[in-house]
Amino acid sequence: MLEIKNLDVHYGVIHALKNISLKVNDGEIVTLIGANGAGKTTTLRTISGLKKPTNGEILLDGVNITGTNAQERVKMGISHVPEGRRIFAKMTVLENLELGAYLRKDKAGIEKDLKMVYERFPILEKRKKQAAGTLSGGEQQMLAIGRALMSRPKILFLDEPSMGLAPLLVQEIFNIIKDINQSGTTILLVEQNASMALQIADHAYVMETGSITLSGTGAELMQSEDIKKAYLGG
């Protein structure tokens, strides 16, 4: 479904991504783990079209999308939940969700998907007329995910979805991620909580200072002594 080949990204003289390659197969949950500053967020931003690579290719369903803009990539089925949620605080919950469907013209489909989001996140329906900024951190994360689902993505990017949430809510967010995946959406997950991410991942990549240093199934990396020492408190 998604393939990244030999991707390089620079911020001025800083070489942020160094010749990285990765694959996300249809129906999978793939996770990127690594320390702060490893390049995980830059990877998602580049695939989404928010950052231009200096070298390499991005393929979606075999089509080279490296030169397309972010809006086109949303139309092609990529949706991105950014780090820090980035909801529109002064707009209502409903207005935030409707913005997720901004590029769509199928009113009946949008209404159907809105109903689906409310079924998945009942609290959002209860709070649909509230300003989004009045929601709790967990509710804002649900809103950010719901907004992304309103574009009806083939592949959903999640950047640090559990950041700043209480442990009980972290478990709930990961259950939601699994449920979205089982409903047919492919997921590329960036997550500092390596243990939780590896538990649900079909495949995982470890990033260090802009390079991919290790990859394998989630189960394989859970058993790696190096990974246990570096990321799992072992």
Foldseek 3Di string as FASTA:
>chain_A
DKWWAQWWADDVPATQAGGAIDDFDFLFEEEEEEDPSLNPLVVVCQLLQNGQTPDTFMADPNHTCNPPHNVVVLLVFEFEQHPVRPFQQQAFLQVLLVVLQVVPDPPVLLVVLVVVLCVLPVVCVVRRRPRLNVDDLLVSLSSSVSSRCSSVGQEYEYEASCPPHDPVSSVVVLVSVLVVSVVGHGYYYYHLLLVSSLVRGQKYFYGGSNYTDDIDHSVVLVPDPVCCVPRVVD
